[in-house]
PDB file of N, CA and C in Angstrom:
ATOM      1  N   MET A   1    -146.392-117.405   7.998  1.00  0.00           N
ATOM      2  CA  MET A   1    -145.932-116.383   8.909  1.00  0.00           C
ATOM      3  C   MET A   1    -146.341-116.804  10.320  1.00  0.00           C
ATOM      4  N   ARG A   2    -145.391-116.781  11.218  1.00  0.00           N
ATOM      5  CA  ARG A   2    -145.660-117.132  12.615  1.00  0.00           C
ATOM      6  C   ARG A   2    -145.805-115.852  13.430  1.00  0.00           C
ATOM      7  N   LEU A   3    -146.931-115.757  14.125  1.00  0.00           N
ATOM      8  CA  LEU A   3    -147.290-114.573  14.895  1.00  0.00           C
ATOM      9  C   LEU A   3    -147.354-114.915  16.378  1.00  0.00           C
ATOM     10  N   ALA A   4    -146.836-114.033  17.207  1.00  0.00           N
ATOM     11  CA  ALA A   4    -146.901-114.203  18.656  1.00  0.00           C
ATOM     12  C   ALA A   4    -147.599-112.996  19.251  1.00  0.00           C
ATOM     13  N   VAL A   5    -148.464-113.227  20.227  1.00  0.00           N
ATOM     14  CA  VAL A   5    -149.141-112.137  20.920  1.00  0.00           C
ATOM     15  C   VAL A   5    -148.929-112.298  22.423  1.00  0.00           C
ATOM     16  N   ILE A   6    -148.835-111.162  23.099  1.00  0.00           N
ATOM     17  CA  ILE A   6    -148.633-111.140  24.542  1.00  0.00           C
ATOM     18  C   ILE A   6    -149.996-110.928  25.195  1.00  0.00           C
ATOM     19  N   SER A   7    -150.368-111.881  26.074  1.00  0.00           N
ATOM     20  CA  SER A   7    -151.691-111.811  26.687  1.00  0.00           C
ATOM     21  C   SER A   7    -151.654-112.365  28.107  1.00  0.00           C
ATOM     22  N   SER A   8    -152.372-111.727  28.994  1.00  0.00           N
ATOM     23  CA  SER A   8    -152.482-112.224  30.372  1.00  0.00           C
ATOM     24  C   SER A   8    -153.541-113.309  30.498  1.00  0.00           C
ATOM     25  N   ASP A   9    -154.508-113.323  29.551  1.00  0.00           N
ATOM     26  CA  ASP A   9    -155.652-114.223  29.710  1.00  0.00           C
ATOM     27  C   ASP A   9    -155.947-115.110  28.496  1.00  0.00           C
ATOM     28  N   GLY A  10    -155.147-115.013  27.448  1.00  0.00           N
ATOM     29  CA  GLY A  10    -155.386-115.827  26.253  1.00  0.00           C
ATOM     30  C   GLY A  10    -156.512-115.309  25.383  1.00  0.00           C
ATOM     31  N   LYS A  11    -157.089-114.167  25.769  1.00  0.00           N
ATOM     32  CA  LYS A  11    -158.201-113.596  25.012  1.00  0.00           C
ATOM     33  C   LYS A  11    -157.871-112.218  24.451  1.00  0.00           C
ATOM     34  N   ASN A  12    -157.033-111.474  25.172  1.00  0.00           N
ATOM     35  CA  ASN A  12    -156.739-110.087  24.815  1.00  0.00           C
ATOM     36  C   ASN A  12    -155.242-109.818  24.780  1.00  0.00           C
ATOM     37  N   VAL A  13    -154.817-109.015  23.815  1.00  0.00           N
ATOM     38  CA  VAL A  13    -153.463-108.473  23.822  1.00  0.00           C
ATOM     39  C   VAL A  13    -153.528-107.311  24.805  1.00  0.00           C
ATOM     40  N   ASP A  14    -152.895-107.491  25.982  1.00  0.00           N
ATOM     41  CA  ASP A  14    -153.126-106.542  27.070  1.00  0.00           C
ATOM     42  C   ASP A  14    -151.909-106.272  27.946  1.00  0.00           C
ATOM     43  N   LEU A  15    -150.718-106.659  27.487  1.00  0.00           N
ATOM     44  CA  LEU A  15    -149.524-106.472  28.308  1.00  0.00           C
ATOM     45  C   LEU A  15    -148.391-105.817  27.525  1.00  0.00           C
ATOM     46  N   HIS A  16    -147.557-105.087  28.246  1.00  0.00           N
ATOM     47  CA  HIS A  16    -146.299-104.576  27.736  1.00  0.00           C
ATOM     48  C   HIS A  16    -145.407-105.781  27.444  1.00  0.00           C
ATOM     49  N   LEU A  17    -144.578-105.686  26.439  1.00  0.00           N
ATOM     50  CA  LEU A  17    -143.710-106.796  26.050  1.00  0.00           C
ATOM     51  C   LEU A  17    -142.901-107.333  27.231  1.00  0.00           C
ATOM     52  N   GLY A  18    -142.321-106.445  28.027  1.00  0.00           N
ATOM     53  CA  GLY A  18    -141.479-106.857  29.147  1.00  0.00           C
ATOM     54  C   GLY A  18    -142.224-107.501  30.298  1.00  0.00           C
ATOM     55  N   LYS A  19    -143.548-107.492  30.256  1.00  0.00           N
ATOM     56  CA  LYS A  19    -144.368-108.146  31.283  1.00  0.00           C
ATOM     57  C   LYS A  19    -145.052-109.396  30.729  1.00  0.00           C
ATOM     58  N   GLY A  20    -144.634-109.795  29.537  1.00  0.00           N
ATOM     59  CA  GLY A  20    -145.293-110.892  28.827  1.00  0.00           C
ATOM     60  C   GLY A  20    -144.899-112.271  29.310  1.00  0.00           C
ATOM     61  N   ASN A  21    -145.508-112.702  30.386  1.00  0.00           N
ATOM     62  CA  ASN A  21    -145.203-114.040  30.889  1.00  0.00           C
ATOM     63  C   ASN A  21    -145.941-115.142  30.133  1.00  0.00           C
ATOM     64  N   LYS A  22    -146.913-114.765  29.317  1.00  0.00           N
ATOM     65  CA  LYS A  22    -147.626-115.741  28.478  1.00  0.00           C
ATOM     66  C   LYS A  22    -147.643-115.244  27.038  1.00  0.00           C
ATOM     67  N   ILE A  23    -147.205-116.125  26.155  1.00  0.00           N
ATOM     68  CA  ILE A  23    -147.129-115.791  24.731  1.00  0.00           C
ATOM     69  C   ILE A  23    -147.977-116.805  23.976  1.00  0.00           C
ATOM     70  N   TYR A  24    -148.870-116.324  23.160  1.00  0.00           N
ATOM     71  CA  TYR A  24    -149.738-117.191  22.363  1.00  0.00           C
ATOM     72  C   TYR A  24    -149.251-117.151  20.926  1.00  0.00           C
ATOM     73  N   ILE A  25    -148.975-118.330  20.387  1.00  0.00           N
ATOM     74  CA  ILE A  25    -148.349-118.467  19.079  1.00  0.00           C
ATOM     75  C   ILE A  25    -149.373-118.952  18.058  1.00  0.00           C
ATOM     76  N   TYR A  26    -149.380-118.287  16.895  1.00  0.00           N
ATOM     77  CA  TYR A  26    -150.296-118.617  15.804  1.00  0.00           C
ATOM     78  C   TYR A  26    -149.512-118.740  14.509  1.00  0.00           C
ATOM     79  N   ASP A  27    -150.008-119.566  13.617  1.00  0.00           N
ATOM     80  CA  ASP A  27    -149.456-119.658  12.269  1.00  0.00           C
ATOM     81  C   ASP A  27    -150.495-119.132  11.294  1.00  0.00           C
ATOM     82  N   TYR A  28    -150.052-118.276  10.397  1.00  0.00           N
ATOM     83  CA  TYR A  28    -150.928-117.777   9.335  1.00  0.00           C
ATOM     84  C   TYR A  28    -150.333-118.231   8.015  1.00  0.00           C
ATOM     85  N   ASN A  29    -151.168-118.943   7.230  1.00  0.00           N
ATOM     86  CA  ASN A  29    -150.717-119.490   5.959  1.00  0.00           C
ATOM     87  C   ASN A  29    -151.896-119.548   5.001  1.00  0.00           C
ATOM     88  N   GLN A  30    -151.820-118.833   3.913  1.00  0.00           N
ATOM     89  CA  GLN A  30    -152.845-118.864   2.854  1.00  0.00           C
ATOM     90  C   GLN A  30    -154.265-118.747   3.411  1.00  0.00           C
ATOM     91  N   ASP A  31    -154.509-117.672   4.126  1.00  0.00           N
ATOM     92  CA  ASP A  31    -155.824-117.360   4.697  1.00  0.00           C
ATOM     93  C   ASP A  31    -156.257-118.272   5.834  1.00  0.00           C
ATOM     94  N   ASN A  32    -155.373-119.093   6.363  1.00  0.00           N
ATOM     95  CA  ASN A  32    -155.688-119.913   7.531  1.00  0.00           C
ATOM     96  C   ASN A  32    -154.876-119.426   8.722  1.00  0.00           C
ATOM     97  N   LEU A  33    -155.574-119.181   9.819  1.00  0.00           N
ATOM     98  CA  LEU A  33    -154.933-118.767  11.056  1.00  0.00           C
ATOM     99  C   LEU A  33    -155.151-119.878  12.075  1.00  0.00           C
ATOM    100  N   ASP A  34    -154.060-120.471  12.532  1.00  0.00           N
ATOM    101  CA  ASP A  34    -154.147-121.604  13.452  1.00  0.00           C
ATOM    102  C   ASP A  34    -153.392-121.318  14.738  1.00  0.00           C
ATOM    103  N   PHE A  35    -154.038-121.584  15.856  1.00  0.00           N
ATOM    104  CA  PHE A  35    -153.370-121.486  17.158  1.00  0.00           C
ATOM    105  C   PHE A  35    -152.435-122.680  17.297  1.00  0.00           C
ATOM    106  N   LEU A  36    -151.189-122.432  17.702  1.00  0.00           N
ATOM    107  CA  LEU A  36    -150.221-123.501  17.875  1.00  0.00           C
ATOM    108  C   LEU A  36    -149.998-123.861  19.333  1.00  0.00           C
ATOM    109  N   GLU A  37    -149.690-122.851  20.152  1.00  0.00           N
ATOM    110  CA  GLU A  37    -149.354-123.152  21.541  1.00  0.00           C
ATOM    111  C   GLU A  37    -149.278-121.887  22.384  1.00  0.00           C
ATOM    112  N   MET A  38    -149.243-122.094  23.689  1.00  0.00           N
ATOM    113  CA  MET A  38    -149.004-121.022  24.638  1.00  0.00           C
ATOM    114  C   MET A  38    -147.652-121.307  25.285  1.00  0.00           C
ATOM    115  N   ARG A  39    -146.797-120.296  25.318  1.00  0.00           N
ATOM    116  CA  ARG A  39    -145.483-120.429  25.944  1.00  0.00           C
ATOM    117  C   ARG A  39    -145.436-119.535  27.175  1.00  0.00           C
ATOM    118  N   GLU A  40    -144.787-120.023  28.214  1.00  0.00           N
ATOM    119  CA  GLU A  40    -144.633-119.229  29.432  1.00  0.00           C
ATOM    120  C   GLU A  40    -143.190-118.766  29.565  1.00  0.00           C
ATOM    121  N   VAL A  41    -143.038-117.539  30.046  1.00  0.00           N
ATOM    122  CA  VAL A  41    -141.732-116.941  30.273  1.00  0.00           C
ATOM    123  C   VAL A  41    -141.679-116.512  31.734  1.00  0.00           C
ATOM    124  N   GLU A  42    -140.579-116.808  32.384  1.00  0.00           N
ATOM    125  CA  GLU A  42    -140.435-116.413  33.779  1.00  0.00           C
ATOM    126  C   GLU A  42    -140.083-114.931  33.845  1.00  0.00           C
ATOM    127  N   ILE A  43    -141.056-114.154  34.288  1.00  0.00           N
ATOM    128  CA  ILE A  43    -140.924-112.696  34.374  1.00  0.00           C
ATOM    129  C   ILE A  43    -141.046-112.290  35.835  1.00  0.00           C
ATOM    130  N   SER A  44    -140.124-111.466  36.297  1.00  0.00           N
ATOM    131  CA  SER A  44    -140.178-110.924  37.649  1.00  0.00           C
ATOM    132  C   SER A  44    -141.054-109.675  37.633  1.00  0.00           C
ATOM    133  N   LYS A  45    -142.041-109.616  38.489  1.00  0.00           N
ATOM    134  CA  LYS A  45    -142.963-108.481  38.507  1.00  0.00           C
ATOM    135  C   LYS A  45    -142.275-107.172  38.884  1.00  0.00           C
ATOM    136  N   ASP A  46    -141.152-107.248  39.584  1.00  0.00           N
ATOM    137  CA  ASP A  46    -140.483-106.042  40.062  1.00  0.00           C
ATOM    138  C   ASP A  46    -139.327-105.582  39.181  1.00  0.00           C
ATOM    139  N   SER A  47    -138.929-106.385  38.201  1.00  0.00           N
ATOM    140  CA  SER A  47    -137.779-106.036  37.356  1.00  0.00           C
ATOM    141  C   SER A  47    -138.207-105.321  36.085  1.00  0.00           C
ATOM    142  N   LYS A  48    -137.300-104.503  35.580  1.00  0.00           N
ATOM    143  CA  LYS A  48    -137.525-103.815  34.314  1.00  0.00           C
ATOM    144  C   LYS A  48    -136.697-104.483  33.227  1.00  0.00           C
ATOM    145  N   HIS A  49    -136.948-104.110  31.988  1.00  0.00           N
ATOM    146  CA  HIS A  49    -136.147-104.549  30.842  1.00  0.00           C
ATOM    147  C   HIS A  49    -136.102-106.074  30.697  1.00  0.00           C
ATOM    148  N   GLN A  50    -137.277-106.700  30.670  1.00  0.00           N
ATOM    149  CA  GLN A  50    -137.340-108.144  30.517  1.00  0.00           C
ATOM    150  C   GLN A  50    -137.821-108.573  29.140  1.00  0.00           C
ATOM    151  N   GLY A  51    -137.945-107.605  28.246  1.00  0.00           N
ATOM    152  CA  GLY A  51    -138.393-107.910  26.890  1.00  0.00           C
ATOM    153  C   GLY A  51    -137.488-108.901  26.182  1.00  0.00           C
ATOM    154  N   GLY A  52    -136.211-108.877  26.494  1.00  0.00           N
ATOM    155  CA  GLY A  52    -135.272-109.808  25.875  1.00  0.00           C
ATOM    156  C   GLY A  52    -135.628-111.258  26.126  1.00  0.00           C
ATOM    157  N   LYS A  53    -136.149-111.556  27.319  1.00  0.00           N
ATOM    158  CA  LYS A  53    -136.577-112.926  27.640  1.00  0.00           C
ATOM    159  C   LYS A  53    -137.732-113.346  26.737  1.00  0.00           C
ATOM    160  N   VAL A  54    -138.648-112.431  26.521  1.00  0.00           N
ATOM    161  CA  VAL A  54    -139.816-112.715  25.690  1.00  0.00           C
ATOM    162  C   VAL A  54    -139.382-112.899  24.237  1.00  0.00           C
ATOM    163  N   ILE A  55    -138.513-112.029  23.768  1.00  0.00           N
ATOM    164  CA  ILE A  55    -138.018-112.128  22.388  1.00  0.00           C
ATOM    165  C   ILE A  55    -137.299-113.453  22.177  1.00  0.00           C
ATOM    166  N   LYS A  56    -136.492-113.852  23.135  1.00  0.00           N
ATOM    167  CA  LYS A  56    -135.783-115.138  23.032  1.00  0.00           C
ATOM    168  C   LYS A  56    -136.773-116.303  22.950  1.00  0.00           C
ATOM    169  N   ALA A  57    -137.857-116.222  23.706  1.00  0.00           N
ATOM    170  CA  ALA A  57    -138.869-117.292  23.689  1.00  0.00           C
ATOM    171  C   ALA A  57    -139.632-117.330  22.365  1.00  0.00           C
ATOM    172  N   CYS A  58    -139.528-116.259  21.584  1.00  0.00           N
ATOM    173  CA  CYS A  58    -140.224-116.165  20.293  1.00  0.00           C
ATOM    174  C   CYS A  58    -139.253-116.216  19.120  1.00  0.00           C
ATOM    175  N   SER A  59    -138.116-116.820  19.310  1.00  0.00           N
ATOM    176  CA  SER A  59    -137.067-116.795  18.282  1.00  0.00           C
ATOM    177  C   SER A  59    -137.505-117.411  16.955  1.00  0.00           C
ATOM    178  N   ASP A  60    -138.527-118.247  16.972  1.00  0.00           N
ATOM    179  CA  ASP A  60    -139.030-118.873  15.743  1.00  0.00           C
ATOM    180  C   ASP A  60    -140.205-118.105  15.129  1.00  0.00           C
ATOM    181  N   CYS A  61    -140.514-116.937  15.682  1.00  0.00           N
ATOM    182  CA  CYS A  61    -141.654-116.147  15.205  1.00  0.00           C
ATOM    183  C   CYS A  61    -141.183-115.012  14.303  1.00  0.00           C
ATOM    184  N   ASP A  62    -142.074-114.596  13.420  1.00  0.00           N
ATOM    185  CA  ASP A  62    -141.795-113.487  12.507  1.00  0.00           C
ATOM    186  C   ASP A  62    -142.260-112.154  13.078  1.00  0.00           C
ATOM    187  N   VAL A  63    -143.354-112.198  13.846  1.00  0.00           N
ATOM    188  CA  VAL A  63    -143.992-110.986  14.361  1.00  0.00           C
ATOM    189  C   VAL A  63    -144.347-111.209  15.820  1.00  0.00           C
ATOM    190  N   LEU A  64    -144.153-110.176  16.626  1.00  0.00           N
ATOM    191  CA  LEU A  64    -144.487-110.226  18.047  1.00  0.00           C
ATOM    192  C   LEU A  64    -145.317-108.992  18.361  1.00  0.00           C
ATOM    193  N   ILE A  65    -146.541-109.204  18.838  1.00  0.00           N
ATOM    194  CA  ILE A  65    -147.486-108.108  19.069  1.00  0.00           C
ATOM    195  C   ILE A  65    -147.742-107.956  20.565  1.00  0.00           C
ATOM    196  N   SER A  66    -147.582-106.723  21.046  1.00  0.00           N
ATOM    197  CA  SER A  66    -147.860-106.404  22.442  1.00  0.00           C
ATOM    198  C   SER A  66    -148.436-104.991  22.505  1.00  0.00           C
ATOM    199  N   VAL A  67    -148.907-104.604  23.684  1.00  0.00           N
ATOM    200  CA  VAL A  67    -149.466-103.270  23.858  1.00  0.00           C
ATOM    201  C   VAL A  67    -148.391-102.212  23.663  1.00  0.00           C
ATOM    202  N   GLN A  68    -147.194-102.502  24.163  1.00  0.00           N
ATOM    203  CA  GLN A  68    -146.108-101.533  24.091  1.00  0.00           C
ATOM    204  C   GLN A  68    -144.786-102.263  24.257  1.00  0.00           C
ATOM    205  N   TYR A  69    -143.705-101.623  23.849  1.00  0.00           N
ATOM    206  CA  TYR A  69    -142.366-102.172  24.061  1.00  0.00           C
ATOM    207  C   TYR A  69    -141.383-101.014  24.170  1.00  0.00           C
ATOM    208  N   GLY A  70    -140.228-101.309  24.738  1.00  0.00           N
ATOM    209  CA  GLY A  70    -139.220-100.287  24.927  1.00  0.00           C
ATOM    210  C   GLY A  70    -138.143-100.329  23.859  1.00  0.00           C
ATOM    211  N   PHE A  71    -137.264 -99.329  23.925  1.00  0.00           N
ATOM    212  CA  PHE A  71    -136.207 -99.179  22.933  1.00  0.00           C
ATOM    213  C   PHE A  71    -135.260-100.378  22.919  1.00  0.00           C
ATOM    214  N   LYS A  72    -134.867-100.877  24.103  1.00  0.00           N
ATOM    215  CA  LYS A  72    -133.958-102.025  24.159  1.00  0.00           C
ATOM    216  C   LYS A  72    -134.597-103.253  23.507  1.00  0.00           C
ATOM    217  N   SER A  73    -135.870-103.450  23.739  1.00  0.00           N
ATOM    218  CA  SER A  73    -136.568-104.587  23.121  1.00  0.00           C
ATOM    219  C   SER A  73    -136.607-104.436  21.612  1.00  0.00           C
ATOM    220  N   LYS A  74    -136.781-103.218  21.136  1.00  0.00           N
ATOM    221  CA  LYS A  74    -136.815-102.975  19.691  1.00  0.00           C
ATOM    222  C   LYS A  74    -135.491-103.401  19.059  1.00  0.00           C
ATOM    223  N   ILE A  75    -134.383-103.024  19.681  1.00  0.00           N
ATOM    224  CA  ILE A  75    -133.062-103.388  19.165  1.00  0.00           C
ATOM    225  C   ILE A  75    -132.870-104.902  19.198  1.00  0.00           C
ATOM    226  N   LYS A  76    -133.244-105.536  20.303  1.00  0.00           N
ATOM    227  CA  LYS A  76    -133.094-106.994  20.430  1.00  0.00           C
ATOM    228  C   LYS A  76    -133.950-107.720  19.401  1.00  0.00           C
ATOM    229  N   ALA A  77    -135.155-107.230  19.157  1.00  0.00           N
ATOM    230  CA  ALA A  77    -136.034-107.856  18.169  1.00  0.00           C
ATOM    231  C   ALA A  77    -135.454-107.711  16.767  1.00  0.00           C
ATOM    232  N   GLU A  78    -134.926-106.525  16.451  1.00  0.00           N
ATOM    233  CA  GLU A  78    -134.304-106.329  15.139  1.00  0.00           C
ATOM    234  C   GLU A  78    -133.140-107.293  14.947  1.00  0.00           C
ATOM    235  N   ASP A  79    -132.333-107.470  15.990  1.00  0.00           N
ATOM    236  CA  ASP A  79    -131.204-108.401  15.912  1.00  0.00           C
ATOM    237  C   ASP A  79    -131.673-109.844  15.708  1.00  0.00           C
ATOM    238  N   ALA A  80    -132.855-110.167  16.216  1.00  0.00           N
ATOM    239  CA  ALA A  80    -133.411-111.514  16.097  1.00  0.00           C
ATOM    240  C   ALA A  80    -134.299-111.676  14.857  1.00  0.00           C
ATOM    241  N   ASN A  81    -134.381-110.626  14.025  1.00  0.00           N
ATOM    242  CA  ASN A  81    -135.241-110.645  12.833  1.00  0.00           C
ATOM    243  C   ASN A  81    -136.713-110.842  13.165  1.00  0.00           C
ATOM    244  N   ILE A  82    -137.154-110.238  14.251  1.00  0.00           N
ATOM    245  CA  ILE A  82    -138.556-110.296  14.659  1.00  0.00           C
ATOM    246  C   ILE A  82    -139.123-108.885  14.549  1.00  0.00           C
ATOM    247  N   LYS A  83    -140.274-108.762  13.903  1.00  0.00           N
ATOM    248  CA  LYS A  83    -140.946-107.466  13.779  1.00  0.00           C
ATOM    249  C   LYS A  83    -141.819-107.257  15.010  1.00  0.00           C
ATOM    250  N   LEU A  84    -141.616-106.148  15.693  1.00  0.00           N
ATOM    251  CA  LEU A  84    -142.459-105.792  16.836  1.00  0.00           C
ATOM    252  C   LEU A  84    -143.588-104.900  16.363  1.00  0.00           C
ATOM    253  N   VAL A  85    -144.780-105.177  16.885  1.00  0.00           N
ATOM    254  CA  VAL A  85    -145.970-104.411  16.533  1.00  0.00           C
ATOM    255  C   VAL A  85    -146.696-104.059  17.829  1.00  0.00           C
ATOM    256  N   MET A  86    -147.186-102.807  17.897  1.00  0.00           N
ATOM    257  CA  MET A  86    -147.990-102.387  19.047  1.00  0.00           C
ATOM    258  C   MET A  86    -149.461-102.387  18.657  1.00  0.00           C
ATOM    259  N   ASP A  87    -150.261-103.075  19.457  1.00  0.00           N
ATOM    260  CA  ASP A  87    -151.710-103.084  19.278  1.00  0.00           C
ATOM    261  C   ASP A  87    -152.299-103.640  20.560  1.00  0.00           C
ATOM    262  N   GLU A  88    -153.588-103.494  20.730  1.00  0.00           N
ATOM    263  CA  GLU A  88    -154.258-104.072  21.884  1.00  0.00           C
ATOM    264  C   GLU A  88    -155.703-104.357  21.557  1.00  0.00           C
ATOM    265  N   GLY A  89    -156.278-105.252  22.350  1.00  0.00           N
ATOM    266  CA  GLY A  89    -157.665-105.645  22.147  1.00  0.00           C
ATOM    267  C   GLY A  89    -157.772-107.153  22.066  1.00  0.00           C
ATOM    268  N   PRO A  90    -158.947-107.650  21.692  1.00  0.00           N
ATOM    269  CA  PRO A  90    -159.124-109.088  21.555  1.00  0.00           C
ATOM    270  C   PRO A  90    -158.104-109.678  20.571  1.00  0.00           C
ATOM    271  N   ILE A  91    -157.518-110.806  20.936  1.00  0.00           N
ATOM    272  CA  ILE A  91    -156.470-111.413  20.108  1.00  0.00           C
ATOM    273  C   ILE A  91    -156.926-111.595  18.670  1.00  0.00           C
ATOM    274  N   THR A  92    -158.116-112.100  18.471  1.00  0.00           N
ATOM    275  CA  THR A  92    -158.608-112.341  17.112  1.00  0.00           C
ATOM    276  C   THR A  92    -158.648-111.050  16.310  1.00  0.00           C
ATOM    277  N   ASP A  93    -159.132-109.978  16.929  1.00  0.00           N
ATOM    278  CA  ASP A  93    -159.195-108.681  16.247  1.00  0.00           C
ATOM    279  C   ASP A  93    -157.797-108.165  15.910  1.00  0.00           C
ATOM    280  N   VAL A  94    -156.879-108.274  16.871  1.00  0.00           N
ATOM    281  CA  VAL A  94    -155.512-107.797  16.670  1.00  0.00           C
ATOM    282  C   VAL A  94    -154.842-108.571  15.532  1.00  0.00           C
ATOM    283  N   LEU A  95    -154.967-109.886  15.547  1.00  0.00           N
ATOM    284  CA  LEU A  95    -154.355-110.691  14.483  1.00  0.00           C
ATOM    285  C   LEU A  95    -154.972-110.389  13.126  1.00  0.00           C
ATOM    286  N   ASN A  96    -156.284-110.272  13.083  1.00  0.00           N
ATOM    287  CA  ASN A  96    -156.944-109.963  11.808  1.00  0.00           C
ATOM    288  C   ASN A  96    -156.539-108.585  11.284  1.00  0.00           C
ATOM    289  N   ARG A  97    -156.410-107.596  12.168  1.00  0.00           N
ATOM    290  CA  ARG A  97    -155.955-106.266  11.738  1.00  0.00           C
ATOM    291  C   ARG A  97    -154.559-106.356  11.130  1.00  0.00           C
ATOM    292  N   TYR A  98    -153.674-107.101  11.793  1.00  0.00           N
ATOM    293  CA  TYR A  98    -152.315-107.210  11.285  1.00  0.00           C
ATOM    294  C   TYR A  98    -152.285-107.928   9.934  1.00  0.00           C
ATOM    295  N   ILE A  99    -153.014-109.015   9.828  1.00  0.00           N
ATOM    296  CA  ILE A  99    -153.050-109.781   8.573  1.00  0.00           C
ATOM    297  C   ILE A  99    -153.618-108.933   7.445  1.00  0.00           C
ATOM    298  N   GLU A 100    -154.691-108.193   7.706  1.00  0.00           N
ATOM    299  CA  GLU A 100    -155.272-107.329   6.681  1.00  0.00           C
ATOM    300  C   GLU A 100    -154.283-106.233   6.267  1.00  0.00           C
ATOM    301  N   HIS A 101    -153.541-105.719   7.230  1.00  0.00           N
ATOM    302  CA  HIS A 101    -152.524-104.711   6.917  1.00  0.00           C
ATOM    303  C   HIS A 101    -151.444-105.300   6.004  1.00  0.00           C
ATOM    304  N   VAL A 102    -150.986-106.506   6.308  1.00  0.00           N
ATOM    305  CA  VAL A 102    -149.966-107.156   5.481  1.00  0.00           C
ATOM    306  C   VAL A 102    -150.504-107.391   4.070  1.00  0.00           C
ATOM    307  N   LYS A 103    -151.730-107.860   3.974  1.00  0.00           N
ATOM    308  CA  LYS A 103    -152.343-108.081   2.654  1.00  0.00           C
ATOM    309  C   LYS A 103    -152.412-106.764   1.869  1.00  0.00           C
ATOM    310  N   PHE A 104    -152.836-105.701   2.535  1.00  0.00           N
ATOM    311  CA  PHE A 104    -152.942-104.391   1.887  1.00  0.00           C
ATOM    312  C   PHE A 104    -151.574-103.917   1.413  1.00  0.00           C
ATOM    313  N   MET A 105    -150.558-104.052   2.254  1.00  0.00           N
ATOM    314  CA  MET A 105    -149.211-103.586   1.905  1.00  0.00           C
ATOM    315  C   MET A 105    -148.597-104.415   0.784  1.00  0.00           C
ATOM    316  N   ASN A 106    -149.003-105.671   0.669  1.00  0.00           N
ATOM    317  CA  ASN A 106    -148.447-106.545  -0.367  1.00  0.00           C
ATOM    318  C   ASN A 106    -149.229-106.487  -1.681  1.00  0.00           C
ATOM    319  N   ALA A 107    -150.395-105.848  -1.646  1.00  0.00           N
ATOM    320  CA  ALA A 107    -151.194-105.738  -2.870  1.00  0.00           C
ATOM    321  C   ALA A 107    -150.542-104.759  -3.825  1.00  0.00           C
ATOM    322  N   GLU A 108    -150.638-105.065  -5.076  1.00  0.00           N
ATOM    323  CA  GLU A 108    -150.036-104.159  -6.073  1.00  0.00           C
ATOM    324  C   GLU A 108    -151.106-103.577  -6.960  1.00  0.00           C
TER     325      GLU A 108
END
């Protein structure tokens, strides 16, 4: 599973999806979480509705985590088969919470 988080500093999930000029990409596979890369997106500080740019930059990801996202971004993510998740805090904590949630939901 490929996970993307929106962060201003590489340490915390702390931005709205549409303000996500930096995306940190991780791979989770059989209890291993590996950092892959940081991607930059050209975001205008004064423009609204830029979540589509971020979603496009994450087209190879399964999950995209940010503090918040708007309705248009939700539709664009669904069309791209990307699950949007809202959370915030240290990246490691956010990723671990999501992974534990997936494990719990998949347990029978």
